[in-house]
Amino acid sequence: MSDCIFCKIAKKEIPADIVFENKDLVVFEDIKPSAPAHYLIVPKEHIQSIAHLEGNHRDILADLIYAAKDEAKKAGLKGYKLVFNVGREGGQMVDHLHLHLLGGWKNNGDIDHKRIPL
């Protein structure tokens, strides 16, 4: 997708605070964080959302989750949330599959549950 912002980030056509990258995915800081630590884990292949996954995407999905686990450990997050939004009705704002890694709160009472559901 030539107009997809996440595709452009993955291709280094626009800047982002990238914290990890491999041949299949890129991890970068969210520009509008909803938590003290908020990263987006994005496959380089353009897939619109979870609803658009095919059988051949199983490895990509596993890679996203393992990358989130690894980045959480590197960031020293003791607890964290992983969130996939699917479609506009599910809160997805960019039509490119991405996993939110959210954490860094001192305790559960610090989480803004209006912005980040339980």
N, C-alpha and C. Protein backbone atom coordinates (compact mmCIF):
# COMPACT_ATOMS: atom_id res chain seq x y z
N MET A 1 0.84 -1.18 0.00
CA MET A 1 0.00 0.00 0.00
C MET A 1 0.89 1.25 0.00
N SER A 2 0.83 2.01 -1.03
CA SER A 2 1.72 3.15 -1.17
C SER A 2 1.39 4.30 -0.22
N ASP A 3 0.16 4.38 0.27
CA ASP A 3 -0.21 5.48 1.16
C ASP A 3 -0.30 5.07 2.63
N CYS A 4 0.09 3.86 2.97
CA CYS A 4 0.00 3.35 4.34
C CYS A 4 1.17 3.88 5.17
N ILE A 5 0.86 4.56 6.25
CA ILE A 5 1.91 5.15 7.10
C ILE A 5 2.83 4.10 7.70
N PHE A 6 2.28 2.94 8.08
CA PHE A 6 3.14 1.90 8.66
C PHE A 6 4.03 1.26 7.61
N CYS A 7 3.55 1.12 6.39
CA CYS A 7 4.40 0.64 5.30
C CYS A 7 5.54 1.63 5.05
N LYS A 8 5.23 2.91 5.09
CA LYS A 8 6.24 3.94 4.88
C LYS A 8 7.29 3.93 6.00
N ILE A 9 6.86 3.70 7.24
CA ILE A 9 7.80 3.59 8.35
C ILE A 9 8.70 2.38 8.14
N ALA A 10 8.10 1.25 7.78
CA ALA A 10 8.88 0.02 7.57
C ALA A 10 9.90 0.18 6.45
N LYS A 11 9.57 0.99 5.44
CA LYS A 11 10.48 1.23 4.31
C LYS A 11 11.42 2.40 4.56
N LYS A 12 11.34 3.00 5.75
CA LYS A 12 12.17 4.15 6.13
C LYS A 12 11.90 5.38 5.26
N GLU A 13 10.69 5.47 4.75
CA GLU A 13 10.31 6.64 3.95
C GLU A 13 9.88 7.80 4.84
N ILE A 14 9.46 7.49 6.06
CA ILE A 14 9.17 8.53 7.05
C ILE A 14 9.82 8.10 8.36
N PRO A 15 10.23 9.06 9.19
CA PRO A 15 10.95 8.72 10.41
C PRO A 15 10.04 8.15 11.51
N ALA A 16 10.63 7.36 12.36
CA ALA A 16 9.98 6.83 13.56
C ALA A 16 11.09 6.45 14.54
N ASP A 17 10.73 6.39 15.80
CA ASP A 17 11.68 5.96 16.84
C ASP A 17 11.68 4.44 16.89
N ILE A 18 12.42 3.83 15.97
CA ILE A 18 12.47 2.38 15.85
C ILE A 18 13.38 1.81 16.94
N VAL A 19 12.85 0.82 17.67
CA VAL A 19 13.63 0.19 18.74
C VAL A 19 14.10 -1.20 18.37
N PHE A 20 13.46 -1.79 17.35
CA PHE A 20 13.86 -3.12 16.88
C PHE A 20 13.34 -3.31 15.47
N GLU A 21 14.12 -4.08 14.70
CA GLU A 21 13.70 -4.40 13.34
C GLU A 21 14.37 -5.69 12.92
N ASN A 22 13.64 -6.49 12.16
CA ASN A 22 14.23 -7.65 11.48
C ASN A 22 13.62 -7.70 10.08
N LYS A 23 13.82 -8.80 9.38
CA LYS A 23 13.36 -8.85 7.99
C LYS A 23 11.84 -8.86 7.86
N ASP A 24 11.12 -9.22 8.94
CA ASP A 24 9.67 -9.36 8.87
C ASP A 24 8.87 -8.29 9.60
N LEU A 25 9.49 -7.61 10.57
CA LEU A 25 8.71 -6.65 11.35
C LEU A 25 9.56 -5.51 11.85
N VAL A 26 8.87 -4.50 12.33
CA VAL A 26 9.52 -3.32 12.90
C VAL A 26 8.75 -2.97 14.19
N VAL A 27 9.52 -2.50 15.19
CA VAL A 27 8.93 -2.08 16.46
C VAL A 27 9.34 -0.62 16.68
N PHE A 28 8.36 0.22 16.96
CA PHE A 28 8.67 1.63 17.18
C PHE A 28 7.75 2.22 18.24
N GLU A 29 8.17 3.36 18.79
CA GLU A 29 7.40 4.04 19.82
C GLU A 29 6.18 4.71 19.20
N ASP A 30 5.06 4.60 19.90
CA ASP A 30 3.82 5.24 19.45
C ASP A 30 3.97 6.76 19.63
N ILE A 31 3.54 7.53 18.64
CA ILE A 31 3.67 8.99 18.74
C ILE A 31 2.61 9.62 19.64
N LYS A 32 1.56 8.87 19.95
CA LYS A 32 0.53 9.33 20.89
C LYS A 32 0.35 8.25 21.97
N PRO A 33 1.34 8.12 22.86
CA PRO A 33 1.31 7.01 23.81
C PRO A 33 0.13 7.04 24.77
N SER A 34 -0.39 5.85 25.07
CA SER A 34 -1.47 5.68 26.03
C SER A 34 -0.95 5.07 27.33
N ALA A 35 0.36 4.96 27.46
CA ALA A 35 1.00 4.39 28.63
C ALA A 35 2.42 4.95 28.71
N PRO A 36 3.06 4.84 29.87
CA PRO A 36 4.44 5.31 29.96
C PRO A 36 5.36 4.67 28.93
N ALA A 37 5.13 3.39 28.62
CA ALA A 37 5.85 2.70 27.54
C ALA A 37 4.78 2.22 26.56
N HIS A 38 4.86 2.67 25.32
CA HIS A 38 3.86 2.29 24.31
C HIS A 38 4.57 2.10 22.97
N TYR A 39 4.66 0.83 22.58
CA TYR A 39 5.32 0.47 21.33
C TYR A 39 4.31 -0.16 20.37
N LEU A 40 4.57 -0.01 19.10
CA LEU A 40 3.79 -0.68 18.07
C LEU A 40 4.67 -1.71 17.40
N ILE A 41 4.16 -2.91 17.29
CA ILE A 41 4.87 -4.00 16.63
C ILE A 41 4.12 -4.24 15.32
N VAL A 42 4.81 -4.05 14.20
CA VAL A 42 4.17 -3.98 12.90
C VAL A 42 4.86 -4.92 11.91
N PRO A 43 4.09 -5.78 11.24
CA PRO A 43 4.71 -6.59 10.19
C PRO A 43 5.04 -5.71 8.99
N LYS A 44 6.11 -6.04 8.30
CA LYS A 44 6.46 -5.28 7.10
C LYS A 44 5.51 -5.58 5.95
N GLU A 45 4.97 -6.79 5.94
CA GLU A 45 3.96 -7.13 4.94
C GLU A 45 2.68 -6.39 5.27
N HIS A 46 2.07 -5.77 4.27
CA HIS A 46 0.82 -5.06 4.52
C HIS A 46 -0.32 -6.06 4.66
N ILE A 47 -0.87 -6.12 5.87
CA ILE A 47 -2.06 -6.90 6.17
C ILE A 47 -2.98 -5.90 6.87
N GLN A 48 -4.19 -5.79 6.42
CA GLN A 48 -5.07 -4.74 6.92
C GLN A 48 -5.37 -4.87 8.41
N SER A 49 -5.72 -6.07 8.87
CA SER A 49 -6.07 -6.25 10.28
C SER A 49 -6.11 -7.74 10.60
N ILE A 50 -6.38 -8.05 11.85
CA ILE A 50 -6.56 -9.44 12.28
C ILE A 50 -7.63 -10.11 11.41
N ALA A 51 -8.67 -9.36 11.07
CA ALA A 51 -9.78 -9.91 10.27
C ALA A 51 -9.34 -10.32 8.87
N HIS A 52 -8.18 -9.86 8.44
CA HIS A 52 -7.69 -10.15 7.09
C HIS A 52 -6.56 -11.18 7.08
N LEU A 53 -6.30 -11.81 8.22
CA LEU A 53 -5.25 -12.83 8.27
C LEU A 53 -5.65 -14.06 7.46
N GLU A 54 -4.67 -14.67 6.85
CA GLU A 54 -4.83 -15.92 6.11
C GLU A 54 -4.00 -16.98 6.81
N GLY A 55 -4.17 -18.22 6.42
CA GLY A 55 -3.43 -19.33 7.03
C GLY A 55 -1.92 -19.16 6.94
N ASN A 56 -1.44 -18.52 5.89
CA ASN A 56 0.01 -18.34 5.74
C ASN A 56 0.58 -17.24 6.63
N HIS A 57 -0.27 -16.59 7.42
CA HIS A 57 0.19 -15.52 8.31
C HIS A 57 0.44 -15.98 9.74
N ARG A 58 0.34 -17.27 10.00
CA ARG A 58 0.51 -17.77 11.37
C ARG A 58 1.88 -17.39 11.94
N ASP A 59 2.92 -17.51 11.15
CA ASP A 59 4.27 -17.19 11.64
C ASP A 59 4.40 -15.71 11.94
N ILE A 60 3.80 -14.86 11.13
CA ILE A 60 3.87 -13.42 11.36
C ILE A 60 3.21 -13.07 12.69
N LEU A 61 2.06 -13.66 12.95
CA LEU A 61 1.35 -13.39 14.19
C LEU A 61 2.19 -13.82 15.40
N ALA A 62 2.79 -15.00 15.32
CA ALA A 62 3.67 -15.46 16.40
C ALA A 62 4.87 -14.53 16.56
N ASP A 63 5.44 -14.07 15.45
CA ASP A 63 6.58 -13.16 15.50
C ASP A 63 6.22 -11.86 16.22
N LEU A 64 5.01 -11.35 15.97
CA LEU A 64 4.57 -10.11 16.62
C LEU A 64 4.52 -10.30 18.14
N ILE A 65 3.96 -11.41 18.58
CA ILE A 65 3.81 -11.65 20.01
C ILE A 65 5.17 -11.87 20.67
N TYR A 66 6.04 -12.64 20.03
CA TYR A 66 7.38 -12.86 20.60
C TYR A 66 8.20 -11.58 20.60
N ALA A 67 8.05 -10.74 19.59
CA ALA A 67 8.76 -9.46 19.58
C ALA A 67 8.27 -8.57 20.72
N ALA A 68 6.97 -8.59 20.98
CA ALA A 68 6.42 -7.82 22.09
C ALA A 68 7.01 -8.30 23.42
N LYS A 69 7.07 -9.60 23.59
CA LYS A 69 7.64 -10.19 24.81
C LYS A 69 9.10 -9.75 24.97
N ASP A 70 9.87 -9.83 23.91
CA ASP A 70 11.29 -9.46 23.96
C ASP A 70 11.47 -7.97 24.24
N GLU A 71 10.67 -7.13 23.61
CA GLU A 71 10.78 -5.69 23.82
C GLU A 71 10.35 -5.30 25.23
N ALA A 72 9.34 -5.98 25.76
CA ALA A 72 8.92 -5.72 27.14
C ALA A 72 10.05 -6.04 28.10
N LYS A 73 10.73 -7.15 27.86
CA LYS A 73 11.86 -7.53 28.72
C LYS A 73 12.98 -6.50 28.61
N LYS A 74 13.31 -6.09 27.38
CA LYS A 74 14.37 -5.09 27.18
C LYS A 74 14.04 -3.77 27.86
N ALA A 75 12.75 -3.42 27.86
CA ALA A 75 12.31 -2.16 28.47
C ALA A 75 12.15 -2.28 29.98
N GLY A 76 12.33 -3.48 30.52
CA GLY A 76 12.22 -3.68 31.96
C GLY A 76 10.79 -3.65 32.47
N LEU A 77 9.85 -3.97 31.60
CA LEU A 77 8.44 -3.96 32.01
C LEU A 77 8.11 -5.23 32.78
N LYS A 78 7.67 -5.07 34.01
CA LYS A 78 7.30 -6.23 34.83
C LYS A 78 5.93 -6.75 34.45
N GLY A 79 5.06 -5.87 34.05
CA GLY A 79 3.73 -6.22 33.58
C GLY A 79 3.40 -5.36 32.38
N TYR A 80 2.55 -5.84 31.52
CA TYR A 80 2.22 -5.09 30.32
C TYR A 80 0.94 -5.62 29.70
N LYS A 81 0.42 -4.86 28.75
CA LYS A 81 -0.76 -5.27 27.98
C LYS A 81 -0.37 -5.40 26.52
N LEU A 82 -0.96 -6.38 25.85
CA LEU A 82 -0.83 -6.52 24.40
C LEU A 82 -2.23 -6.35 23.83
N VAL A 83 -2.37 -5.46 22.85
CA VAL A 83 -3.69 -5.13 22.32
C VAL A 83 -3.66 -5.11 20.80
N PHE A 84 -4.60 -5.84 20.20
CA PHE A 84 -4.90 -5.73 18.77
C PHE A 84 -6.24 -5.04 18.66
N ASN A 85 -6.33 -3.95 17.93
CA ASN A 85 -7.61 -3.34 17.59
C ASN A 85 -7.97 -3.82 16.19
N VAL A 86 -9.24 -4.12 15.97
CA VAL A 86 -9.66 -4.66 14.68
C VAL A 86 -10.82 -3.83 14.14
N GLY A 87 -10.58 -3.13 13.03
CA GLY A 87 -11.61 -2.31 12.40
C GLY A 87 -11.88 -1.03 13.18
N ARG A 88 -12.52 -0.09 12.54
CA ARG A 88 -12.84 1.19 13.18
C ARG A 88 -13.69 0.98 14.43
N GLU A 89 -14.63 0.05 14.36
CA GLU A 89 -15.51 -0.21 15.50
C GLU A 89 -14.73 -0.80 16.68
N GLY A 90 -13.57 -1.35 16.43
CA GLY A 90 -12.71 -1.89 17.47
C GLY A 90 -11.57 -0.96 17.86
N GLY A 91 -11.58 0.25 17.32
CA GLY A 91 -10.58 1.24 17.68
C GLY A 91 -9.35 1.29 16.80
N GLN A 92 -9.33 0.52 15.70
CA GLN A 92 -8.16 0.53 14.80
C GLN A 92 -8.16 1.83 14.00
N MET A 93 -7.07 2.57 14.10
CA MET A 93 -6.97 3.86 13.42
C MET A 93 -6.13 3.81 12.14
N VAL A 94 -5.24 2.84 12.05
CA VAL A 94 -4.40 2.67 10.85
C VAL A 94 -4.72 1.29 10.28
N ASP A 95 -5.05 1.25 9.00
CA ASP A 95 -5.42 0.00 8.35
C ASP A 95 -4.20 -0.83 7.97
N HIS A 96 -3.44 -1.19 8.97
CA HIS A 96 -2.28 -2.07 8.83
C HIS A 96 -2.18 -2.80 10.16
N LEU A 97 -2.15 -4.11 10.12
CA LEU A 97 -2.08 -4.91 11.33
C LEU A 97 -0.95 -4.42 12.23
N HIS A 98 -1.25 -4.22 13.51
CA HIS A 98 -0.22 -3.84 14.47
C HIS A 98 -0.65 -4.25 15.87
N LEU A 99 0.34 -4.55 16.68
CA LEU A 99 0.14 -4.96 18.06
C LEU A 99 0.67 -3.85 18.96
N HIS A 100 -0.17 -3.43 19.90
CA HIS A 100 0.25 -2.43 20.89
C HIS A 100 0.87 -3.15 22.08
N LEU A 101 2.04 -2.70 22.49
CA LEU A 101 2.68 -3.13 23.73
C LEU A 101 2.62 -1.93 24.67
N LEU A 102 1.89 -2.08 25.77
CA LEU A 102 1.68 -0.99 26.71
C LEU A 102 2.13 -1.41 28.09
N GLY A 103 2.84 -0.55 28.77
CA GLY A 103 3.28 -0.87 30.13
C GLY A 103 3.97 0.31 30.77
N GLY A 104 4.65 0.02 31.86
CA GLY A 104 5.41 1.05 32.55
C GLY A 104 4.68 1.72 33.69
N TRP A 105 3.47 1.27 33.99
CA TRP A 105 2.75 1.83 35.13
C TRP A 105 3.38 1.33 36.41
N LYS A 106 3.33 2.13 37.45
CA LYS A 106 3.88 1.73 38.76
C LYS A 106 2.97 0.71 39.43
N ASN A 107 1.66 0.87 39.27
CA ASN A 107 0.70 -0.08 39.82
C ASN A 107 -0.61 0.02 39.03
N ASN A 108 -1.50 -0.91 39.25
CA ASN A 108 -2.74 -0.98 38.49
C ASN A 108 -3.57 0.30 38.61
N GLY A 109 -3.46 0.99 39.75
CA GLY A 109 -4.23 2.21 39.94
C GLY A 109 -3.80 3.35 39.03
N ASP A 110 -2.62 3.24 38.45
CA ASP A 110 -2.11 4.29 37.55
C ASP A 110 -2.65 4.16 36.13
N ILE A 111 -3.24 3.03 35.80
CA ILE A 111 -3.72 2.80 34.44
C ILE A 111 -5.01 3.57 34.22
N ASP A 112 -5.06 4.33 33.15
CA ASP A 112 -6.27 5.05 32.77
C ASP A 112 -7.18 4.07 32.02
N HIS A 113 -8.08 3.44 32.75
CA HIS A 113 -8.92 2.39 32.17
C HIS A 113 -9.93 2.94 31.16
N LYS A 114 -10.13 4.24 31.11
CA LYS A 114 -10.99 4.82 30.08
C LYS A 114 -10.29 4.80 28.73
N ARG A 115 -8.97 4.96 28.77
CA ARG A 115 -8.18 4.95 27.53
C ARG A 115 -7.72 3.55 27.17
N ILE A 116 -7.50 2.71 28.19
CA ILE A 116 -7.00 1.35 27.97
C ILE A 116 -7.88 0.40 28.77
N PRO A 117 -8.79 -0.29 28.10
CA PRO A 117 -9.69 -1.19 28.83
C PRO A 117 -8.95 -2.33 29.50
N LEU A 118 -9.58 -2.86 30.54
CA LEU A 118 -9.02 -4.02 31.25
C LEU A 118 -9.00 -5.23 30.36
